[in-house]
Amino acid sequence: MGKNFLPVDTREALDTLIDNSKSHPVVVFKHSTACGISAAAYREMEKYEGDVSLVVVQTARDVSRELATITGIRHESPQVIILRNGKAVWNASHYQIKAGAVAQATESAE
């Protein structure tokens, strides 16, 4: 796991992320360890300089589903969702995931 990847594998950790989004944007990356496209997205997210909350869908499927329910955004993998004030303010999936776009969206959500 990269130095800026923070694992999210419990409902409690997800609740903490949502609470944290009230003070600053939170970047969540839903990653599949069995998908080549997700591997490419992971490498792209390694370029992002901020913290990335990592949900590995194979081991945290319930967290992934709950995030979809909370945000109203259909589950995809790979997928990046930026949370602010408890709501999704930006998302991208598959080849749309680019470190620069995530940085710009995070800055806009400040």
PDB file of N, CA and C in Angstrom:
ATOM      1  N   MET A   1       0.846  -1.174   0.000  1.00  0.00           N
ATOM      2  CA  MET A   1       0.000   0.000   0.000  1.00  0.00           C
ATOM      3  C   MET A   1       0.892   1.238   0.000  1.00  0.00           C
ATOM      4  N   GLY A   2       0.532   2.245  -0.771  1.00  0.00           N
ATOM      5  CA  GLY A   2       1.306   3.471  -0.853  1.00  0.00           C
ATOM      6  C   GLY A   2       1.275   4.252   0.447  1.00  0.00           C
ATOM      7  N   LYS A   3       2.191   5.179   0.591  1.00  0.00           N
ATOM      8  CA  LYS A   3       2.311   5.917   1.848  1.00  0.00           C
ATOM      9  C   LYS A   3       1.083   6.760   2.159  1.00  0.00           C
ATOM     10  N   ASN A   4       0.333   7.171   1.134  1.00  0.00           N
ATOM     11  CA  ASN A   4      -0.826   8.022   1.385  1.00  0.00           C
ATOM     12  C   ASN A   4      -2.145   7.258   1.304  1.00  0.00           C
ATOM     13  N   PHE A   5      -2.090   5.928   1.258  1.00  0.00           N
ATOM     14  CA  PHE A   5      -3.303   5.115   1.213  1.00  0.00           C
ATOM     15  C   PHE A   5      -3.674   4.685   2.631  1.00  0.00           C
ATOM     16  N   LEU A   6      -4.903   5.009   3.024  1.00  0.00           N
ATOM     17  CA  LEU A   6      -5.389   4.686   4.358  1.00  0.00           C
ATOM     18  C   LEU A   6      -6.514   3.667   4.218  1.00  0.00           C
ATOM     19  N   PRO A   7      -6.353   2.458   4.759  1.00  0.00           N
ATOM     20  CA  PRO A   7      -7.371   1.422   4.562  1.00  0.00           C
ATOM     21  C   PRO A   7      -8.688   1.751   5.264  1.00  0.00           C
ATOM     22  N   VAL A   8      -9.777   1.471   4.572  1.00  0.00           N
ATOM     23  CA  VAL A   8     -11.124   1.623   5.130  1.00  0.00           C
ATOM     24  C   VAL A   8     -11.805   0.279   4.941  1.00  0.00           C
ATOM     25  N   ASP A   9     -11.954  -0.457   6.041  1.00  0.00           N
ATOM     26  CA  ASP A   9     -12.502  -1.803   5.913  1.00  0.00           C
ATOM     27  C   ASP A   9     -13.597  -2.124   6.928  1.00  0.00           C
ATOM     28  N   THR A  10     -14.063  -1.102   7.644  1.00  0.00           N
ATOM     29  CA  THR A  10     -15.166  -1.300   8.589  1.00  0.00           C
ATOM     30  C   THR A  10     -16.172  -0.163   8.452  1.00  0.00           C
ATOM     31  N   ARG A  11     -17.366  -0.405   8.907  1.00  0.00           N
ATOM     32  CA  ARG A  11     -18.404   0.636   8.900  1.00  0.00           C
ATOM     33  C   ARG A  11     -17.978   1.810   9.790  1.00  0.00           C
ATOM     34  N   GLU A  12     -17.308   1.507  10.893  1.00  0.00           N
ATOM     35  CA  GLU A  12     -16.842   2.558  11.796  1.00  0.00           C
ATOM     36  C   GLU A  12     -15.837   3.467  11.089  1.00  0.00           C
ATOM     37  N   ALA A  13     -14.943   2.883  10.316  1.00  0.00           N
ATOM     38  CA  ALA A  13     -13.971   3.680   9.563  1.00  0.00           C
ATOM     39  C   ALA A  13     -14.679   4.550   8.529  1.00  0.00           C
ATOM     40  N   LEU A  14     -15.715   4.013   7.891  1.00  0.00           N
ATOM     41  CA  LEU A  14     -16.491   4.796   6.928  1.00  0.00           C
ATOM     42  C   LEU A  14     -17.198   5.947   7.629  1.00  0.00           C
ATOM     43  N   ASP A  15     -17.775   5.691   8.795  1.00  0.00           N
ATOM     44  CA  ASP A  15     -18.430   6.753   9.563  1.00  0.00           C
ATOM     45  C   ASP A  15     -17.440   7.857   9.918  1.00  0.00           C
ATOM     46  N   THR A  16     -16.211   7.477  10.266  1.00  0.00           N
ATOM     47  CA  THR A  16     -15.172   8.460  10.576  1.00  0.00           C
ATOM     48  C   THR A  16     -14.855   9.314   9.353  1.00  0.00           C
ATOM     49  N   LEU A  17     -14.770   8.684   8.175  1.00  0.00           N
ATOM     50  CA  LEU A  17     -14.525   9.441   6.938  1.00  0.00           C
ATOM     51  C   LEU A  17     -15.619  10.476   6.711  1.00  0.00           C
ATOM     52  N   ILE A  18     -16.844  10.057   6.888  1.00  0.00           N
ATOM     53  CA  ILE A  18     -17.970  10.964   6.670  1.00  0.00           C
ATOM     54  C   ILE A  18     -17.895  12.125   7.651  1.00  0.00           C
ATOM     55  N   ASP A  19     -17.577  11.840   8.912  1.00  0.00           N
ATOM     56  CA  ASP A  19     -17.403  12.913   9.897  1.00  0.00           C
ATOM     57  C   ASP A  19     -16.249  13.829   9.505  1.00  0.00           C
ATOM     58  N   ASN A  20     -15.131  13.248   9.063  1.00  0.00           N
ATOM     59  CA  ASN A  20     -13.974  14.053   8.657  1.00  0.00           C
ATOM     60  C   ASN A  20     -14.299  14.961   7.480  1.00  0.00           C
ATOM     61  N   SER A  21     -15.220  14.527   6.622  1.00  0.00           N
ATOM     62  CA  SER A  21     -15.555  15.333   5.442  1.00  0.00           C
ATOM     63  C   SER A  21     -16.256  16.634   5.816  1.00  0.00           C
ATOM     64  N   LYS A  22     -16.653  16.775   7.068  1.00  0.00           N
ATOM     65  CA  LYS A  22     -17.281  18.024   7.514  1.00  0.00           C
ATOM     66  C   LYS A  22     -16.250  19.128   7.696  1.00  0.00           C
ATOM     67  N   SER A  23     -14.968  18.748   7.841  1.00  0.00           N
ATOM     68  CA  SER A  23     -13.921  19.756   8.005  1.00  0.00           C
ATOM     69  C   SER A  23     -13.017  19.892   6.784  1.00  0.00           C
ATOM     70  N   HIS A  24     -13.008  18.882   5.914  1.00  0.00           N
ATOM     71  CA  HIS A  24     -12.173  18.934   4.710  1.00  0.00           C
ATOM     72  C   HIS A  24     -12.634  17.860   3.725  1.00  0.00           C
ATOM     73  N   PRO A  25     -12.305  18.033   2.443  1.00  0.00           N
ATOM     74  CA  PRO A  25     -12.668  17.003   1.465  1.00  0.00           C
ATOM     75  C   PRO A  25     -11.946  15.687   1.764  1.00  0.00           C
ATOM     76  N   VAL A  26     -12.641  14.582   1.549  1.00  0.00           N
ATOM     77  CA  VAL A  26     -12.089  13.246   1.767  1.00  0.00           C
ATOM     78  C   VAL A  26     -12.145  12.490   0.440  1.00  0.00           C
ATOM     79  N   VAL A  27     -11.007  11.968   0.021  1.00  0.00           N
ATOM     80  CA  VAL A  27     -10.910  11.203  -1.221  1.00  0.00           C
ATOM     81  C   VAL A  27     -11.014   9.716  -0.889  1.00  0.00           C
ATOM     82  N   VAL A  28     -11.995   9.048  -1.507  1.00  0.00           N
ATOM     83  CA  VAL A  28     -12.189   7.610  -1.314  1.00  0.00           C
ATOM     84  C   VAL A  28     -11.939   6.918  -2.652  1.00  0.00           C
ATOM     85  N   PHE A  29     -11.079   5.909  -2.631  1.00  0.00           N
ATOM     86  CA  PHE A  29     -10.768   5.135  -3.834  1.00  0.00           C
ATOM     87  C   PHE A  29     -11.228   3.706  -3.615  1.00  0.00           C
ATOM     88  N   LYS A  30     -12.198   3.267  -4.415  1.00  0.00           N
ATOM     89  CA  LYS A  30     -12.680   1.885  -4.378  1.00  0.00           C
ATOM     90  C   LYS A  30     -11.887   1.095  -5.414  1.00  0.00           C
ATOM     91  N   HIS A  31     -11.153   0.100  -4.929  1.00  0.00           N
ATOM     92  CA  HIS A  31     -10.173  -0.620  -5.740  1.00  0.00           C
ATOM     93  C   HIS A  31     -10.459  -2.115  -5.743  1.00  0.00           C
ATOM     94  N   SER A  32     -10.342  -2.724  -6.910  1.00  0.00           N
ATOM     95  CA  SER A  32     -10.449  -4.177  -7.041  1.00  0.00           C
ATOM     96  C   SER A  32      -9.064  -4.750  -7.318  1.00  0.00           C
ATOM     97  N   THR A  33      -8.635  -5.663  -6.477  1.00  0.00           N
ATOM     98  CA  THR A  33      -7.317  -6.278  -6.660  1.00  0.00           C
ATOM     99  C   THR A  33      -7.300  -7.284  -7.800  1.00  0.00           C
ATOM    100  N   ALA A  34      -8.460  -7.563  -8.390  1.00  0.00           N
ATOM    101  CA  ALA A  34      -8.556  -8.557  -9.469  1.00  0.00           C
ATOM    102  C   ALA A  34      -8.782  -7.929 -10.840  1.00  0.00           C
ATOM    103  N   CYS A  35      -8.601  -6.618 -10.941  1.00  0.00           N
ATOM    104  CA  CYS A  35      -8.957  -5.912 -12.176  1.00  0.00           C
ATOM    105  C   CYS A  35      -7.765  -5.115 -12.702  1.00  0.00           C
ATOM    106  N   GLY A  36      -7.424  -5.331 -13.957  1.00  0.00           N
ATOM    107  CA  GLY A  36      -6.326  -4.598 -14.575  1.00  0.00           C
ATOM    108  C   GLY A  36      -6.579  -3.105 -14.667  1.00  0.00           C
ATOM    109  N   ILE A  37      -7.808  -2.717 -14.956  1.00  0.00           N
ATOM    110  CA  ILE A  37      -8.140  -1.291 -15.020  1.00  0.00           C
ATOM    111  C   ILE A  37      -7.970  -0.669 -13.638  1.00  0.00           C
ATOM    112  N   SER A  38      -8.373  -1.394 -12.609  1.00  0.00           N
ATOM    113  CA  SER A  38      -8.218  -0.893 -11.249  1.00  0.00           C
ATOM    114  C   SER A  38      -6.743  -0.770 -10.876  1.00  0.00           C
ATOM    115  N   ALA A  39      -5.911  -1.678 -11.351  1.00  0.00           N
ATOM    116  CA  ALA A  39      -4.467  -1.587 -11.101  1.00  0.00           C
ATOM    117  C   ALA A  39      -3.899  -0.315 -11.723  1.00  0.00           C
ATOM    118  N   ALA A  40      -4.357   0.016 -12.924  1.00  0.00           N
ATOM    119  CA  ALA A  40      -3.914   1.254 -13.579  1.00  0.00           C
ATOM    120  C   ALA A  40      -4.398   2.472 -12.793  1.00  0.00           C
ATOM    121  N   ALA A  41      -5.629   2.423 -12.305  1.00  0.00           N
ATOM    122  CA  ALA A  41      -6.169   3.527 -11.507  1.00  0.00           C
ATOM    123  C   ALA A  41      -5.394   3.659 -10.194  1.00  0.00           C
ATOM    124  N   TYR A  42      -4.998   2.544  -9.604  1.00  0.00           N
ATOM    125  CA  TYR A  42      -4.197   2.560  -8.376  1.00  0.00           C
ATOM    126  C   TYR A  42      -2.878   3.290  -8.627  1.00  0.00           C
ATOM    127  N   ARG A  43      -2.221   2.951  -9.724  1.00  0.00           N
ATOM    128  CA  ARG A  43      -0.958   3.631 -10.063  1.00  0.00           C
ATOM    129  C   ARG A  43      -1.193   5.126 -10.262  1.00  0.00           C
ATOM    130  N   GLU A  44      -2.312   5.480 -10.851  1.00  0.00           N
ATOM    131  CA  GLU A  44      -2.650   6.895 -11.035  1.00  0.00           C
ATOM    132  C   GLU A  44      -2.854   7.567  -9.675  1.00  0.00           C
ATOM    133  N   MET A  45      -3.548   6.898  -8.765  1.00  0.00           N
ATOM    134  CA  MET A  45      -3.807   7.482  -7.444  1.00  0.00           C
ATOM    135  C   MET A  45      -2.536   7.572  -6.598  1.00  0.00           C
ATOM    136  N   GLU A  46      -1.532   6.743  -6.900  1.00  0.00           N
ATOM    137  CA  GLU A  46      -0.248   6.873  -6.211  1.00  0.00           C
ATOM    138  C   GLU A  46       0.398   8.221  -6.517  1.00  0.00           C
ATOM    139  N   LYS A  47       0.053   8.825  -7.637  1.00  0.00           N
ATOM    140  CA  LYS A  47       0.596  10.130  -8.020  1.00  0.00           C
ATOM    141  C   LYS A  47      -0.084  11.270  -7.272  1.00  0.00           C
ATOM    142  N   TYR A  48      -1.282  11.019  -6.748  1.00  0.00           N
ATOM    143  CA  TYR A  48      -2.021  12.044  -6.010  1.00  0.00           C
ATOM    144  C   TYR A  48      -1.294  12.307  -4.694  1.00  0.00           C
ATOM    145  N   GLU A  49      -1.108  13.566  -4.347  1.00  0.00           N
ATOM    146  CA  GLU A  49      -0.264  13.900  -3.203  1.00  0.00           C
ATOM    147  C   GLU A  49      -0.976  13.891  -1.864  1.00  0.00           C
ATOM    148  N   GLY A  50      -2.290  13.867  -1.858  1.00  0.00           N
ATOM    149  CA  GLY A  50      -3.020  13.872  -0.592  1.00  0.00           C
ATOM    150  C   GLY A  50      -3.313  12.473  -0.093  1.00  0.00           C
ATOM    151  N   ASP A  51      -4.023  12.410   1.021  1.00  0.00           N
ATOM    152  CA  ASP A  51      -4.437  11.121   1.570  1.00  0.00           C
ATOM    153  C   ASP A  51      -5.550  10.519   0.727  1.00  0.00           C
ATOM    154  N   VAL A  52      -5.512   9.213   0.591  1.00  0.00           N
ATOM    155  CA  VAL A  52      -6.519   8.465  -0.162  1.00  0.00           C
ATOM    156  C   VAL A  52      -7.067   7.376   0.753  1.00  0.00           C
ATOM    157  N   SER A  53      -8.356   7.422   1.002  1.00  0.00           N
ATOM    158  CA  SER A  53      -9.010   6.381   1.794  1.00  0.00           C
ATOM    159  C   SER A  53      -9.316   5.229   0.851  1.00  0.00           C
ATOM    160  N   LEU A  54      -8.715   4.077   1.115  1.00  0.00           N
ATOM    161  CA  LEU A  54      -8.757   2.947   0.194  1.00  0.00           C
ATOM    162  C   LEU A  54      -9.744   1.884   0.661  1.00  0.00           C
ATOM    163  N   VAL A  55     -10.732   1.603  -0.192  1.00  0.00           N
ATOM    164  CA  VAL A  55     -11.681   0.522   0.049  1.00  0.00           C
ATOM    165  C   VAL A  55     -11.366  -0.577  -0.964  1.00  0.00           C
ATOM    166  N   VAL A  56     -10.827  -1.692  -0.493  1.00  0.00           N
ATOM    167  CA  VAL A  56     -10.567  -2.842  -1.362  1.00  0.00           C
ATOM    168  C   VAL A  56     -11.866  -3.639  -1.415  1.00  0.00           C
ATOM    169  N   VAL A  57     -12.496  -3.650  -2.582  1.00  0.00           N
ATOM    170  CA  VAL A  57     -13.851  -4.197  -2.668  1.00  0.00           C
ATOM    171  C   VAL A  57     -13.928  -5.688  -2.335  1.00  0.00           C
ATOM    172  N   GLN A  58     -12.878  -6.440  -2.564  1.00  0.00           N
ATOM    173  CA  GLN A  58     -12.918  -7.872  -2.250  1.00  0.00           C
ATOM    174  C   GLN A  58     -12.984  -8.131  -0.746  1.00  0.00           C
ATOM    175  N   THR A  59     -12.347  -7.280   0.043  1.00  0.00           N
ATOM    176  CA  THR A  59     -12.284  -7.506   1.488  1.00  0.00           C
ATOM    177  C   THR A  59     -13.198  -6.585   2.281  1.00  0.00           C
ATOM    178  N   ALA A  60     -13.767  -5.586   1.639  1.00  0.00           N
ATOM    179  CA  ALA A  60     -14.647  -4.630   2.328  1.00  0.00           C
ATOM    180  C   ALA A  60     -15.900  -4.369   1.492  1.00  0.00           C
ATOM    181  N   ARG A  61     -16.490  -5.433   1.007  1.00  0.00           N
ATOM    182  CA  ARG A  61     -17.667  -5.312   0.143  1.00  0.00           C
ATOM    183  C   ARG A  61     -18.814  -4.577   0.842  1.00  0.00           C
ATOM    184  N   ASP A  62     -19.011  -4.851   2.143  1.00  0.00           N
ATOM    185  CA  ASP A  62     -20.087  -4.182   2.871  1.00  0.00           C
ATOM    186  C   ASP A  62     -19.843  -2.679   2.965  1.00  0.00           C
ATOM    187  N   VAL A  63     -18.587  -2.275   3.136  1.00  0.00           N
ATOM    188  CA  VAL A  63     -18.241  -0.849   3.175  1.00  0.00           C
ATOM    189  C   VAL A  63     -18.508  -0.217   1.811  1.00  0.00           C
ATOM    190  N   SER A  64     -18.128  -0.906   0.755  1.00  0.00           N
ATOM    191  CA  SER A  64     -18.358  -0.411  -0.599  1.00  0.00           C
ATOM    192  C   SER A  64     -19.850  -0.221  -0.867  1.00  0.00           C
ATOM    193  N   ARG A  65     -20.645  -1.204  -0.475  1.00  0.00           N
ATOM    194  CA  ARG A  65     -22.101  -1.103  -0.671  1.00  0.00           C
ATOM    195  C   ARG A  65     -22.695   0.039   0.146  1.00  0.00           C
ATOM    196  N   GLU A  66     -22.243   0.180   1.382  1.00  0.00           N
ATOM    197  CA  GLU A  66     -22.758   1.245   2.244  1.00  0.00           C
ATOM    198  C   GLU A  66     -22.398   2.613   1.678  1.00  0.00           C
ATOM    199  N   LEU A  67     -21.206   2.747   1.132  1.00  0.00           N
ATOM    200  CA  LEU A  67     -20.802   4.009   0.512  1.00  0.00           C
ATOM    201  C   LEU A  67     -21.716   4.338  -0.667  1.00  0.00           C
ATOM    202  N   ALA A  68     -22.064   3.342  -1.457  1.00  0.00           N
ATOM    203  CA  ALA A  68     -22.995   3.552  -2.572  1.00  0.00           C
ATOM    204  C   ALA A  68     -24.358   3.992  -2.055  1.00  0.00           C
ATOM    205  N   THR A  69     -24.817   3.391  -0.978  1.00  0.00           N
ATOM    206  CA  THR A  69     -26.111   3.753  -0.398  1.00  0.00           C
ATOM    207  C   THR A  69     -26.092   5.184   0.133  1.00  0.00           C
ATOM    208  N   ILE A  70     -25.047   5.527   0.867  1.00  0.00           N
ATOM    209  CA  ILE A  70     -24.943   6.858   1.473  1.00  0.00           C
ATOM    210  C   ILE A  70     -24.854   7.949   0.412  1.00  0.00           C
ATOM    211  N   THR A  71     -24.059   7.709  -0.620  1.00  0.00           N
ATOM    212  CA  THR A  71     -23.817   8.752  -1.629  1.00  0.00           C
ATOM    213  C   THR A  71     -24.850   8.765  -2.743  1.00  0.00           C
ATOM    214  N   GLY A  72     -25.529   7.644  -2.946  1.00  0.00           N
ATOM    215  CA  GLY A  72     -26.453   7.545  -4.071  1.00  0.00           C
ATOM    216  C   GLY A  72     -25.746   7.327  -5.398  1.00  0.00           C
ATOM    217  N   ILE A  73     -24.450   7.039  -5.346  1.00  0.00           N
ATOM    218  CA  ILE A  73     -23.662   6.808  -6.560  1.00  0.00           C
ATOM    219  C   ILE A  73     -23.530   5.304  -6.765  1.00  0.00           C
ATOM    220  N   ARG A  74     -23.934   4.850  -7.931  1.00  0.00           N
ATOM    221  CA  ARG A  74     -23.867   3.428  -8.263  1.00  0.00           C
ATOM    222  C   ARG A  74     -22.437   2.913  -8.117  1.00  0.00           C
ATOM    223  N   HIS A  75     -22.308   1.743  -7.518  1.00  0.00           N
ATOM    224  CA  HIS A  75     -20.990   1.135  -7.327  1.00  0.00           C
ATOM    225  C   HIS A  75     -20.317   0.837  -8.664  1.00  0.00           C
ATOM    226  N   GLU A  76     -19.061   1.232  -8.752  1.00  0.00           N
ATOM    227  CA  GLU A  76     -18.184   0.831  -9.844  1.00  0.00           C
ATOM    228  C   GLU A  76     -16.821   0.566  -9.228  1.00  0.00           C
ATOM    229  N   SER A  77     -16.008  -0.135  -9.951  1.00  0.00           N
ATOM    230  CA  SER A  77     -14.664  -0.403  -9.476  1.00  0.00           C
ATOM    231  C   SER A  77     -13.751  -0.540 -10.693  1.00  0.00           C
ATOM    232  N   PRO A  78     -12.748   0.319 -10.737  1.00  0.00           N
ATOM    233  CA  PRO A  78     -12.334   1.300  -9.751  1.00  0.00           C
ATOM    234  C   PRO A  78     -13.229   2.541  -9.780  1.00  0.00           C
ATOM    235  N   GLN A  79     -13.215   3.241  -8.657  1.00  0.00           N
ATOM    236  CA  GLN A  79     -14.038   4.448  -8.537  1.00  0.00           C
ATOM    237  C   GLN A  79     -13.416   5.361  -7.486  1.00  0.00           C
ATOM    238  N   VAL A  80     -13.445   6.660  -7.759  1.00  0.00           N
ATOM    239  CA  VAL A  80     -13.026   7.662  -6.784  1.00  0.00           C
ATOM    240  C   VAL A  80     -14.238   8.527  -6.472  1.00  0.00           C
ATOM    241  N   ILE A  81     -14.461   8.738  -5.191  1.00  0.00           N
ATOM    242  CA  ILE A  81     -15.542   9.608  -4.729  1.00  0.00           C
ATOM    243  C   ILE A  81     -14.924  10.605  -3.763  1.00  0.00           C
ATOM    244  N   ILE A  82     -15.231  11.878  -3.955  1.00  0.00           N
ATOM    245  CA  ILE A  82     -14.792  12.900  -3.006  1.00  0.00           C
ATOM    246  C   ILE A  82     -15.996  13.289  -2.163  1.00  0.00           C
ATOM    247  N   LEU A  83     -15.811  13.189  -0.843  1.00  0.00           N
ATOM    248  CA  LEU A  83     -16.855  13.538   0.113  1.00  0.00           C
ATOM    249  C   LEU A  83     -16.561  14.898   0.723  1.00  0.00           C
ATOM    250  N   ARG A  84     -17.607  15.694   0.884  1.00  0.00           N
ATOM    251  CA  ARG A  84     -17.498  16.984   1.579  1.00  0.00           C
ATOM    252  C   ARG A  84     -18.814  17.202   2.298  1.00  0.00           C
ATOM    253  N   ASN A  85     -18.732  17.507   3.579  1.00  0.00           N
ATOM    254  CA  ASN A  85     -19.925  17.712   4.407  1.00  0.00           C
ATOM    255  C   ASN A  85     -20.873  16.520   4.351  1.00  0.00           C
ATOM    256  N   GLY A  86     -20.298  15.319   4.328  1.00  0.00           N
ATOM    257  CA  GLY A  86     -21.089  14.106   4.366  1.00  0.00           C
ATOM    258  C   GLY A  86     -21.735  13.702   3.062  1.00  0.00           C
ATOM    259  N   LYS A  87     -21.437  14.427   1.988  1.00  0.00           N
ATOM    260  CA  LYS A  87     -22.049  14.132   0.687  1.00  0.00           C
ATOM    261  C   LYS A  87     -20.978  13.985  -0.390  1.00  0.00           C
ATOM    262  N   ALA A  88     -21.316  13.238  -1.425  1.00  0.00           N
ATOM    263  CA  ALA A  88     -20.415  13.123  -2.571  1.00  0.00           C
ATOM    264  C   ALA A  88     -20.492  14.403  -3.388  1.00  0.00           C
ATOM    265  N   VAL A  89     -19.332  14.994  -3.669  1.00  0.00           N
ATOM    266  CA  VAL A  89     -19.299  16.216  -4.473  1.00  0.00           C
ATOM    267  C   VAL A  89     -18.631  15.988  -5.829  1.00  0.00           C
ATOM    268  N   TRP A  90     -18.009  14.822  -6.005  1.00  0.00           N
ATOM    269  CA  TRP A  90     -17.329  14.513  -7.270  1.00  0.00           C
ATOM    270  C   TRP A  90     -17.074  13.019  -7.306  1.00  0.00           C
ATOM    271  N   ASN A  91     -17.121  12.446  -8.515  1.00  0.00           N
ATOM    272  CA  ASN A  91     -16.759  11.038  -8.647  1.00  0.00           C
ATOM    273  C   ASN A  91     -16.275  10.760 -10.059  1.00  0.00           C
ATOM    274  N   ALA A  92     -15.494   9.717 -10.172  1.00  0.00           N
ATOM    275  CA  ALA A  92     -14.980   9.257 -11.465  1.00  0.00           C
ATOM    276  C   ALA A  92     -14.763   7.756 -11.361  1.00  0.00           C
ATOM    277  N   SER A  93     -14.773   7.102 -12.514  1.00  0.00           N
ATOM    278  CA  SER A  93     -14.520   5.666 -12.510  1.00  0.00           C
ATOM    279  C   SER A  93     -13.660   5.286 -13.709  1.00  0.00           C
ATOM    280  N   HIS A  94     -13.087   4.113 -13.606  1.00  0.00           N
ATOM    281  CA  HIS A  94     -12.298   3.498 -14.667  1.00  0.00           C
ATOM    282  C   HIS A  94     -11.232   4.453 -15.207  1.00  0.00           C
ATOM    283  N   TYR A  95     -11.192   4.656 -16.509  1.00  0.00           N
ATOM    284  CA  TYR A  95     -10.119   5.457 -17.110  1.00  0.00           C
ATOM    285  C   TYR A  95     -10.277   6.956 -16.887  1.00  0.00           C
ATOM    286  N   GLN A  96     -11.367   7.386 -16.263  1.00  0.00           N
ATOM    287  CA  GLN A  96     -11.534   8.805 -15.919  1.00  0.00           C
ATOM    288  C   GLN A  96     -10.721   9.171 -14.679  1.00  0.00           C
ATOM    289  N   ILE A  97     -10.210   8.180 -13.977  1.00  0.00           N
ATOM    290  CA  ILE A  97      -9.467   8.433 -12.741  1.00  0.00           C
ATOM    291  C   ILE A  97      -8.061   8.913 -13.096  1.00  0.00           C
ATOM    292  N   LYS A  98      -7.812  10.193 -12.825  1.00  0.00           N
ATOM    293  CA  LYS A  98      -6.521  10.828 -13.082  1.00  0.00           C
ATOM    294  C   LYS A  98      -6.139  11.645 -11.854  1.00  0.00           C
ATOM    295  N   ALA A  99      -4.889  11.551 -11.436  1.00  0.00           N
ATOM    296  CA  ALA A  99      -4.435  12.248 -10.235  1.00  0.00           C
ATOM    297  C   ALA A  99      -4.693  13.747 -10.322  1.00  0.00           C
ATOM    298  N   GLY A 100      -4.435  14.348 -11.472  1.00  0.00           N
ATOM    299  CA  GLY A 100      -4.643  15.785 -11.628  1.00  0.00           C
ATOM    300  C   GLY A 100      -6.099  16.185 -11.477  1.00  0.00           C
ATOM    301  N   ALA A 101      -6.995  15.379 -12.023  1.00  0.00           N
ATOM    302  CA  ALA A 101      -8.431  15.667 -11.906  1.00  0.00           C
ATOM    303  C   ALA A 101      -8.888  15.536 -10.459  1.00  0.00           C
ATOM    304  N   VAL A 102      -8.363  14.536  -9.748  1.00  0.00           N
ATOM    305  CA  VAL A 102      -8.710  14.359  -8.335  1.00  0.00           C
ATOM    306  C   VAL A 102      -8.205  15.556  -7.528  1.00  0.00           C
ATOM    307  N   ALA A 103      -6.980  15.995  -7.796  1.00  0.00           N
ATOM    308  CA  ALA A 103      -6.418  17.146  -7.088  1.00  0.00           C
ATOM    309  C   ALA A 103      -7.251  18.399  -7.340  1.00  0.00           C
ATOM    310  N   GLN A 104      -7.626  18.616  -8.585  1.00  0.00           N
ATOM    311  CA  GLN A 104      -8.425  19.791  -8.927  1.00  0.00           C
ATOM    312  C   GLN A 104      -9.800  19.731  -8.256  1.00  0.00           C
ATOM    313  N   ALA A 105     -10.432  18.574  -8.274  1.00  0.00           N
ATOM    314  CA  ALA A 105     -11.748  18.424  -7.654  1.00  0.00           C
ATOM    315  C   ALA A 105     -11.665  18.593  -6.137  1.00  0.00           C
ATOM    316  N   THR A 106     -10.596  18.092  -5.545  1.00  0.00           N
ATOM    317  CA  THR A 106     -10.413  18.237  -4.098  1.00  0.00           C
ATOM    318  C   THR A 106     -10.237  19.705  -3.736  1.00  0.00           C
ATOM    319  N   GLU A 107      -9.440  20.406  -4.524  1.00  0.00           N
ATOM    320  CA  GLU A 107      -9.225  21.834  -4.286  1.00  0.00           C
ATOM    321  C   GLU A 107     -10.530  22.611  -4.425  1.00  0.00           C
ATOM    322  N   SER A 108     -11.325  22.276  -5.413  1.00  0.00           N
ATOM    323  CA  SER A 108     -12.615  22.946  -5.623  1.00  0.00           C
ATOM    324  C   SER A 108     -13.581  22.689  -4.473  1.00  0.00           C
ATOM    325  N   ALA A 109     -13.424  21.554  -3.798  1.00  0.00           N
ATOM    326  CA  ALA A 109     -14.333  21.186  -2.711  1.00  0.00           C
ATOM    327  C   ALA A 109     -13.944  21.810  -1.372  1.00  0.00           C
ATOM    328  N   GLU A 110     -12.792  22.481  -1.328  1.00  0.00           N
ATOM    329  CA  GLU A 110     -12.327  23.081  -0.065  1.00  0.00           C
ATOM    330  C   GLU A 110     -13.304  24.033   0.511  1.00  0.00           C
TER     331      GLU A 110
END
